[in-house]
């Protein structure tokens, strides 16, 4: 099968197909990565925020819906999906570093460069290798079923990096509800903080940080690491 990048929506199984939905997100990500180039300060933070809200739910839906299907229908599905899971894990780890205060200007620039590189590698691996193999292994009706399931999970998935949680079921499925609730709560609090002058904004930022610490404690619950491959294990 040719790369998804070279196929029309109709060839991918129609607009409900998971392949068309994946490609649509990839196109949007490419635009955001181009927009990120040369930015700094608040402009850079705005683009990174948009990338995060696209990338993390997208990846969570892949790990919950698509990669188990690939492992089920392809004899080499384990090898194929593991490489992408490792890329997802690296994105999570880079993002957590970027959100910390531990990087100087040069280190932050290097981390951003690597983030863009890994995200582009991930798109190419999916569009050129994994998803065409899925396309060749299941009928269009199954691609549409997967598209509906993928969209439901994507819309209810965590919106921030969680590097400790397993990249596979059952761990990631068990983590979805509590982490999604916290992430969406933080999104609302952070948006309010950006619109509110001090000292109220400072209190809102403190509330967001408290929610982040709560999410960190949830991530370390042992059952949420079940199913993961040792190569994506953090800590």
C-alpha atoms as a PDB file:
ATOM      1  CA  UNK A   1       0.000   0.000   0.000  1.00  0.00           C
ATOM      2  CA  UNK A   2       1.255   3.526  -0.765  1.00  0.00           C
ATOM      3  CA  UNK A   3       1.841   6.082   1.970  1.00  0.00           C
ATOM      4  CA  UNK A   4      -1.235   7.732   3.426  1.00  0.00           C
ATOM      5  CA  UNK A   5       0.269  11.037   2.283  1.00  0.00           C
ATOM      6  CA  UNK A   6      -0.249   9.953  -1.351  1.00  0.00           C
ATOM      7  CA  UNK A   7      -3.859   8.771  -0.988  1.00  0.00           C
ATOM      8  CA  UNK A   8      -7.158  10.627  -1.196  1.00  0.00           C
ATOM      9  CA  UNK A   9      -9.857  10.486   1.484  1.00  0.00           C
ATOM     10  CA  UNK A  10     -11.820   8.081  -0.715  1.00  0.00           C
ATOM     11  CA  UNK A  11      -8.825   5.770  -1.105  1.00  0.00           C
ATOM     12  CA  UNK A  12      -8.359   5.812   2.673  1.00  0.00           C
ATOM     13  CA  UNK A  13     -11.874   4.494   3.205  1.00  0.00           C
ATOM     14  CA  UNK A  14     -13.883   7.709   3.376  1.00  0.00           C
ATOM     15  CA  UNK A  15     -14.079  10.475   6.000  1.00  0.00           C
ATOM     16  CA  UNK A  16     -15.110   8.077   8.775  1.00  0.00           C
ATOM     17  CA  UNK A  17     -12.057   5.873   8.243  1.00  0.00           C
ATOM     18  CA  UNK A  18      -9.418   5.992  10.943  1.00  0.00           C
ATOM     19  CA  UNK A  19      -6.822   6.508   8.215  1.00  0.00           C
ATOM     20  CA  UNK A  20      -8.487   9.708   7.002  1.00  0.00           C
ATOM     21  CA  UNK A  21      -8.774  10.941  10.584  1.00  0.00           C
ATOM     22  CA  UNK A  22      -5.119  10.199  11.250  1.00  0.00           C
ATOM     23  CA  UNK A  23      -4.003  11.966   8.095  1.00  0.00           C
ATOM     24  CA  UNK A  24      -6.110  15.024   8.969  1.00  0.00           C
ATOM     25  CA  UNK A  25      -4.390  15.319  12.351  1.00  0.00           C
ATOM     26  CA  UNK A  26      -0.981  14.847  10.748  1.00  0.00           C
ATOM     27  CA  UNK A  27      -1.632  17.696   8.311  1.00  0.00           C
ATOM     28  CA  UNK A  28      -2.619  19.945  11.184  1.00  0.00           C
ATOM     29  CA  UNK A  29       0.493  18.941  13.139  1.00  0.00           C
ATOM     30  CA  UNK A  30       2.718  19.775  10.176  1.00  0.00           C
ATOM     31  CA  UNK A  31       1.219  23.283  10.010  1.00  0.00           C
ATOM     32  CA  UNK A  32       1.805  23.790  13.731  1.00  0.00           C
ATOM     33  CA  UNK A  33       5.417  22.588  13.525  1.00  0.00           C
ATOM     34  CA  UNK A  34       6.058  25.043  10.706  1.00  0.00           C
ATOM     35  CA  UNK A  35       4.450  27.776  12.789  1.00  0.00           C
ATOM     36  CA  UNK A  36       6.683  26.870  15.737  1.00  0.00           C
ATOM     37  CA  UNK A  37       9.873  27.626  13.794  1.00  0.00           C
ATOM     38  CA  UNK A  38      11.532  30.834  14.902  1.00  0.00           C
ATOM     39  CA  UNK A  39       9.101  31.551  17.739  1.00  0.00           C
ATOM     40  CA  UNK A  40       9.967  32.516  21.300  1.00  0.00           C
ATOM     41  CA  UNK A  41       8.282  33.684  24.470  1.00  0.00           C
ATOM     42  CA  UNK A  42       4.498  33.784  24.590  1.00  0.00           C
ATOM     43  CA  UNK A  43       4.167  33.054  20.864  1.00  0.00           C
ATOM     44  CA  UNK A  44       6.131  29.841  21.282  1.00  0.00           C
ATOM     45  CA  UNK A  45       4.088  28.829  24.314  1.00  0.00           C
ATOM     46  CA  UNK A  46       0.875  29.373  22.366  1.00  0.00           C
ATOM     47  CA  UNK A  47       1.984  27.069  19.539  1.00  0.00           C
ATOM     48  CA  UNK A  48       3.312  24.455  21.952  1.00  0.00           C
ATOM     49  CA  UNK A  49      -0.016  24.503  23.762  1.00  0.00           C
ATOM     50  CA  UNK A  50      -1.839  23.809  20.487  1.00  0.00           C
ATOM     51  CA  UNK A  51       0.612  21.013  19.611  1.00  0.00           C
ATOM     52  CA  UNK A  52       0.160  19.359  22.998  1.00  0.00           C
ATOM     53  CA  UNK A  53      -3.638  19.418  22.777  1.00  0.00           C
ATOM     54  CA  UNK A  54      -3.370  17.752  19.370  1.00  0.00           C
ATOM     55  CA  UNK A  55      -0.544  15.281  19.966  1.00  0.00           C
ATOM     56  CA  UNK A  56      -1.313  13.728  23.340  1.00  0.00           C
ATOM     57  CA  UNK A  57      -4.983  12.792  22.789  1.00  0.00           C
ATOM     58  CA  UNK A  58      -4.060  11.594  19.281  1.00  0.00           C
ATOM     59  CA  UNK A  59      -1.299   9.328  20.584  1.00  0.00           C
ATOM     60  CA  UNK A  60      -3.436   8.037  23.444  1.00  0.00           C
ATOM     61  CA  UNK A  61      -6.152   7.009  20.978  1.00  0.00           C
ATOM     62  CA  UNK A  62      -3.577   5.251  18.804  1.00  0.00           C
ATOM     63  CA  UNK A  63      -2.195   3.304  21.746  1.00  0.00           C
ATOM     64  CA  UNK A  64      -5.662   2.350  22.972  1.00  0.00           C
ATOM     65  CA  UNK A  65      -7.377   1.517  19.673  1.00  0.00           C
ATOM     66  CA  UNK A  66      -5.007   1.174  16.710  1.00  0.00           C
ATOM     67  CA  UNK A  67      -1.859  -0.500  17.936  1.00  0.00           C
ATOM     68  CA  UNK A  68      -3.720  -3.381  19.644  1.00  0.00           C
ATOM     69  CA  UNK A  69      -5.508  -3.951  16.317  1.00  0.00           C
ATOM     70  CA  UNK A  70      -2.189  -3.978  14.442  1.00  0.00           C
ATOM     71  CA  UNK A  71      -0.752  -6.491  16.898  1.00  0.00           C
ATOM     72  CA  UNK A  72      -3.853  -8.625  16.390  1.00  0.00           C
ATOM     73  CA  UNK A  73      -3.891  -8.693  12.576  1.00  0.00           C
ATOM     74  CA  UNK A  74      -0.185  -8.551  11.641  1.00  0.00           C
ATOM     75  CA  UNK A  75       2.461 -11.154  12.455  1.00  0.00           C
ATOM     76  CA  UNK A  76       5.058  -8.385  12.922  1.00  0.00           C
ATOM     77  CA  UNK A  77       2.625  -6.010  14.629  1.00  0.00           C
ATOM     78  CA  UNK A  78       4.552  -6.144  17.889  1.00  0.00           C
ATOM     79  CA  UNK A  79       7.745  -4.881  16.263  1.00  0.00           C
ATOM     80  CA  UNK A  80       5.966  -2.225  14.229  1.00  0.00           C
ATOM     81  CA  UNK A  81       3.996  -0.727  17.097  1.00  0.00           C
ATOM     82  CA  UNK A  82       6.841  -0.862  19.601  1.00  0.00           C
ATOM     83  CA  UNK A  83       8.940   1.590  17.598  1.00  0.00           C
ATOM     84  CA  UNK A  84       6.115   4.137  17.544  1.00  0.00           C
ATOM     85  CA  UNK A  85       5.410   3.617  21.245  1.00  0.00           C
ATOM     86  CA  UNK A  86       9.069   4.390  21.936  1.00  0.00           C
ATOM     87  CA  UNK A  87       8.726   7.598  19.915  1.00  0.00           C
ATOM     88  CA  UNK A  88       5.622   8.523  21.916  1.00  0.00           C
ATOM     89  CA  UNK A  89       7.484   7.899  25.151  1.00  0.00           C
ATOM     90  CA  UNK A  90      10.357  10.128  24.057  1.00  0.00           C
ATOM     91  CA  UNK A  91       7.912  12.920  23.190  1.00  0.00           C
ATOM     92  CA  UNK A  92       6.411  12.640  26.677  1.00  0.00           C
ATOM     93  CA  UNK A  93       9.826  12.814  28.329  1.00  0.00           C
ATOM     94  CA  UNK A  94      10.994  15.782  26.242  1.00  0.00           C
ATOM     95  CA  UNK A  95       7.768  17.639  26.966  1.00  0.00           C
ATOM     96  CA  UNK A  96       8.065  17.144  30.715  1.00  0.00           C
ATOM     97  CA  UNK A  97      11.599  18.595  30.545  1.00  0.00           C
ATOM     98  CA  UNK A  98      10.357  21.587  28.553  1.00  0.00           C
ATOM     99  CA  UNK A  99       7.687  22.270  31.177  1.00  0.00           C
ATOM    100  CA  UNK A 100      10.247  22.197  33.989  1.00  0.00           C
ATOM    101  CA  UNK A 101      12.617  24.998  35.005  1.00  0.00           C
ATOM    102  CA  UNK A 102      15.727  22.852  34.656  1.00  0.00           C
ATOM    103  CA  UNK A 103      16.774  23.845  31.105  1.00  0.00           C
ATOM    104  CA  UNK A 104      18.876  26.836  30.133  1.00  0.00           C
ATOM    105  CA  UNK A 105      18.279  28.587  26.806  1.00  0.00           C
ATOM    106  CA  UNK A 106      20.624  26.343  24.799  1.00  0.00           C
ATOM    107  CA  UNK A 107      19.234  23.152  26.335  1.00  0.00           C
ATOM    108  CA  UNK A 108      15.677  24.279  25.666  1.00  0.00           C
ATOM    109  CA  UNK A 109      16.504  24.999  22.032  1.00  0.00           C
ATOM    110  CA  UNK A 110      18.077  21.545  21.681  1.00  0.00           C
ATOM    111  CA  UNK A 111      15.070  19.884  23.332  1.00  0.00           C
ATOM    112  CA  UNK A 112      12.688  21.705  20.983  1.00  0.00           C
ATOM    113  CA  UNK A 113      14.714  20.638  17.948  1.00  0.00           C
ATOM    114  CA  UNK A 114      14.604  17.024  19.092  1.00  0.00           C
ATOM    115  CA  UNK A 115      10.882  17.257  19.802  1.00  0.00           C
ATOM    116  CA  UNK A 116      10.167  18.431  16.259  1.00  0.00           C
ATOM    117  CA  UNK A 117      12.435  15.717  14.851  1.00  0.00           C
ATOM    118  CA  UNK A 118      10.711  12.919  16.782  1.00  0.00           C
ATOM    119  CA  UNK A 119       7.237  14.164  15.910  1.00  0.00           C
ATOM    120  CA  UNK A 120       8.101  14.229  12.214  1.00  0.00           C
ATOM    121  CA  UNK A 121       9.657  10.750  12.455  1.00  0.00           C
ATOM    122  CA  UNK A 122       6.508   9.504  14.147  1.00  0.00           C
ATOM    123  CA  UNK A 123       4.273  10.826  11.371  1.00  0.00           C
ATOM    124  CA  UNK A 124       6.433   9.258   8.674  1.00  0.00           C
ATOM    125  CA  UNK A 125       6.571   5.889  10.448  1.00  0.00           C
ATOM    126  CA  UNK A 126       2.795   5.864  10.786  1.00  0.00           C
ATOM    127  CA  UNK A 127       1.898   7.109   7.297  1.00  0.00           C
ATOM    128  CA  UNK A 128       4.567   5.146   5.405  1.00  0.00           C
ATOM    129  CA  UNK A 129       4.753   1.884   7.407  1.00  0.00           C
ATOM    130  CA  UNK A 130       2.160   1.134  10.065  1.00  0.00           C
ATOM    131  CA  UNK A 131      -1.089   2.475   8.693  1.00  0.00           C
ATOM    132  CA  UNK A 132      -0.655   1.201   5.103  1.00  0.00           C
ATOM    133  CA  UNK A 133      -0.094  -2.243   6.617  1.00  0.00           C
ATOM    134  CA  UNK A 134      -3.323  -1.903   8.571  1.00  0.00           C
ATOM    135  CA  UNK A 135      -5.070  -0.755   5.397  1.00  0.00           C
ATOM    136  CA  UNK A 136      -3.932  -3.913   3.617  1.00  0.00           C
ATOM    137  CA  UNK A 137      -4.975  -6.209   6.453  1.00  0.00           C
ATOM    138  CA  UNK A 138      -8.559  -5.125   7.220  1.00  0.00           C
ATOM    139  CA  UNK A 139     -11.560  -4.146   5.050  1.00  0.00           C
ATOM    140  CA  UNK A 140     -12.772  -0.529   4.723  1.00  0.00           C
ATOM    141  CA  UNK A 141     -15.728  -1.298   6.988  1.00  0.00           C
ATOM    142  CA  UNK A 142     -13.310  -2.179   9.786  1.00  0.00           C
ATOM    143  CA  UNK A 143     -11.331   1.017   9.159  1.00  0.00           C
ATOM    144  CA  UNK A 144     -14.539   2.986   9.660  1.00  0.00           C
ATOM    145  CA  UNK A 145     -15.341   1.099  12.874  1.00  0.00           C
ATOM    146  CA  UNK A 146     -11.847   1.857  14.140  1.00  0.00           C
ATOM    147  CA  UNK A 147     -12.312   5.486  13.119  1.00  0.00           C
ATOM    148  CA  UNK A 148     -15.358   5.845  15.345  1.00  0.00           C
ATOM    149  CA  UNK A 149     -13.630   4.145  18.285  1.00  0.00           C
ATOM    150  CA  UNK A 150     -10.476   6.208  17.793  1.00  0.00           C
ATOM    151  CA  UNK A 151     -12.457   9.462  17.719  1.00  0.00           C
ATOM    152  CA  UNK A 152     -14.363   8.600  20.896  1.00  0.00           C
ATOM    153  CA  UNK A 153     -11.127   7.850  22.750  1.00  0.00           C
ATOM    154  CA  UNK A 154      -9.355  10.914  21.337  1.00  0.00           C
ATOM    155  CA  UNK A 155     -12.118  13.221  22.533  1.00  0.00           C
ATOM    156  CA  UNK A 156     -11.979  11.805  26.075  1.00  0.00           C
ATOM    157  CA  UNK A 157      -8.207  11.326  26.413  1.00  0.00           C
ATOM    158  CA  UNK A 158      -5.627  13.106  28.596  1.00  0.00           C
ATOM    159  CA  UNK A 159      -4.359  16.338  27.055  1.00  0.00           C
ATOM    160  CA  UNK A 160      -0.921  16.449  28.696  1.00  0.00           C
ATOM    161  CA  UNK A 161       2.202  14.270  28.856  1.00  0.00           C
ATOM    162  CA  UNK A 162       2.156  11.373  31.307  1.00  0.00           C
ATOM    163  CA  UNK A 163       5.497   9.640  30.916  1.00  0.00           C
ATOM    164  CA  UNK A 164       5.012   7.089  33.703  1.00  0.00           C
ATOM    165  CA  UNK A 165       1.725   5.546  32.545  1.00  0.00           C
ATOM    166  CA  UNK A 166       1.920   2.455  30.315  1.00  0.00           C
ATOM    167  CA  UNK A 167       1.759   2.983  26.574  1.00  0.00           C
ATOM    168  CA  UNK A 168      -0.472  -0.110  26.287  1.00  0.00           C
ATOM    169  CA  UNK A 169      -3.679  -1.530  27.723  1.00  0.00           C
ATOM    170  CA  UNK A 170      -4.708  -2.242  30.374  1.00  0.00           C
ATOM    171  CA  UNK A 171      -2.568   0.406  32.117  1.00  0.00           C
ATOM    172  CA  UNK A 172      -3.352   3.285  29.790  1.00  0.00           C
ATOM    173  CA  UNK A 173      -7.067   2.433  29.724  1.00  0.00           C
ATOM    174  CA  UNK A 174      -7.237   2.450  33.526  1.00  0.00           C
ATOM    175  CA  UNK A 175      -5.395   5.779  33.674  1.00  0.00           C
ATOM    176  CA  UNK A 176      -7.642   7.504  31.149  1.00  0.00           C
ATOM    177  CA  UNK A 177     -10.494   8.670  33.371  1.00  0.00           C
ATOM    178  CA  UNK A 178      -8.627  10.205  36.330  1.00  0.00           C
ATOM    179  CA  UNK A 179      -5.907  11.787  34.192  1.00  0.00           C
ATOM    180  CA  UNK A 180      -8.383  13.165  31.666  1.00  0.00           C
ATOM    181  CA  UNK A 181     -10.443  14.775  34.429  1.00  0.00           C
ATOM    182  CA  UNK A 182      -7.334  16.381  35.926  1.00  0.00           C
ATOM    183  CA  UNK A 183      -5.914  17.492  32.567  1.00  0.00           C
ATOM    184  CA  UNK A 184      -9.149  19.097  31.430  1.00  0.00           C
ATOM    185  CA  UNK A 185      -9.464  20.782  34.816  1.00  0.00           C
ATOM    186  CA  UNK A 186      -5.944  22.156  34.481  1.00  0.00           C
ATOM    187  CA  UNK A 187      -6.728  23.384  30.974  1.00  0.00           C
ATOM    188  CA  UNK A 188      -9.649  25.405  32.338  1.00  0.00           C
ATOM    189  CA  UNK A 189      -7.647  26.752  35.279  1.00  0.00           C
ATOM    190  CA  UNK A 190      -4.669  27.686  33.103  1.00  0.00           C
ATOM    191  CA  UNK A 191      -6.936  29.461  30.604  1.00  0.00           C
ATOM    192  CA  UNK A 192      -8.515  31.439  33.446  1.00  0.00           C
ATOM    193  CA  UNK A 193      -5.066  32.333  34.818  1.00  0.00           C
ATOM    194  CA  UNK A 194      -4.034  33.776  31.456  1.00  0.00           C
ATOM    195  CA  UNK A 195      -7.093  36.029  31.433  1.00  0.00           C
ATOM    196  CA  UNK A 196      -6.920  37.113  35.089  1.00  0.00           C
ATOM    197  CA  UNK A 197      -4.591  39.734  36.602  1.00  0.00           C
ATOM    198  CA  UNK A 198      -2.489  39.062  39.688  1.00  0.00           C
ATOM    199  CA  UNK A 199      -2.897  38.135  42.494  1.00  0.00           C
ATOM    200  CA  UNK A 200      -5.797  35.937  41.358  1.00  0.00           C
ATOM    201  CA  UNK A 201      -3.767  34.505  38.461  1.00  0.00           C
ATOM    202  CA  UNK A 202      -1.018  33.481  40.891  1.00  0.00           C
ATOM    203  CA  UNK A 203      -3.540  31.541  42.958  1.00  0.00           C
ATOM    204  CA  UNK A 204      -4.866  29.870  39.819  1.00  0.00           C
ATOM    205  CA  UNK A 205      -1.357  28.868  38.752  1.00  0.00           C
ATOM    206  CA  UNK A 206      -0.788  27.381  42.209  1.00  0.00           C
ATOM    207  CA  UNK A 207      -4.012  25.412  41.842  1.00  0.00           C
ATOM    208  CA  UNK A 208      -2.835  24.091  38.474  1.00  0.00           C
ATOM    209  CA  UNK A 209       0.471  23.012  39.974  1.00  0.00           C
ATOM    210  CA  UNK A 210      -1.372  21.201  42.775  1.00  0.00           C
ATOM    211  CA  UNK A 211      -3.430  19.354  40.167  1.00  0.00           C
ATOM    212  CA  UNK A 212      -0.218  18.444  38.324  1.00  0.00           C
ATOM    213  CA  UNK A 213       1.180  16.928  41.516  1.00  0.00           C
ATOM    214  CA  UNK A 214      -2.039  14.942  41.944  1.00  0.00           C
ATOM    215  CA  UNK A 215      -1.699  13.611  38.395  1.00  0.00           C
ATOM    216  CA  UNK A 216       1.907  12.660  39.136  1.00  0.00           C
ATOM    217  CA  UNK A 217       0.809  10.604  42.133  1.00  0.00           C
ATOM    218  CA  UNK A 218      -1.834   8.856  40.041  1.00  0.00           C
ATOM    219  CA  UNK A 219       0.714   8.028  37.339  1.00  0.00           C
ATOM    220  CA  UNK A 220       2.786   6.068  39.842  1.00  0.00           C
ATOM    221  CA  UNK A 221      -0.062   3.762  40.871  1.00  0.00           C
ATOM    222  CA  UNK A 222       1.313   0.356  39.980  1.00  0.00           C
ATOM    223  CA  UNK A 223      -1.698  -0.976  38.100  1.00  0.00           C
ATOM    224  CA  UNK A 224      -1.445   1.900  35.607  1.00  0.00           C
ATOM    225  CA  UNK A 225       1.893   0.536  34.394  1.00  0.00           C
ATOM    226  CA  UNK A 226       0.496  -2.875  33.506  1.00  0.00           C
ATOM    227  CA  UNK A 227       0.967  -4.002  29.919  1.00  0.00           C
ATOM    228  CA  UNK A 228       3.857  -1.703  29.039  1.00  0.00           C
ATOM    229  CA  UNK A 229       6.968  -2.870  27.257  1.00  0.00           C
ATOM    230  CA  UNK A 230      10.217  -2.513  29.246  1.00  0.00           C
ATOM    231  CA  UNK A 231      11.660  -0.153  26.608  1.00  0.00           C
ATOM    232  CA  UNK A 232       8.964   2.455  27.310  1.00  0.00           C
ATOM    233  CA  UNK A 233       9.247   2.172  31.094  1.00  0.00           C
ATOM    234  CA  UNK A 234      10.198   5.427  32.818  1.00  0.00           C
ATOM    235  CA  UNK A 235      11.842   5.761  36.212  1.00  0.00           C
END
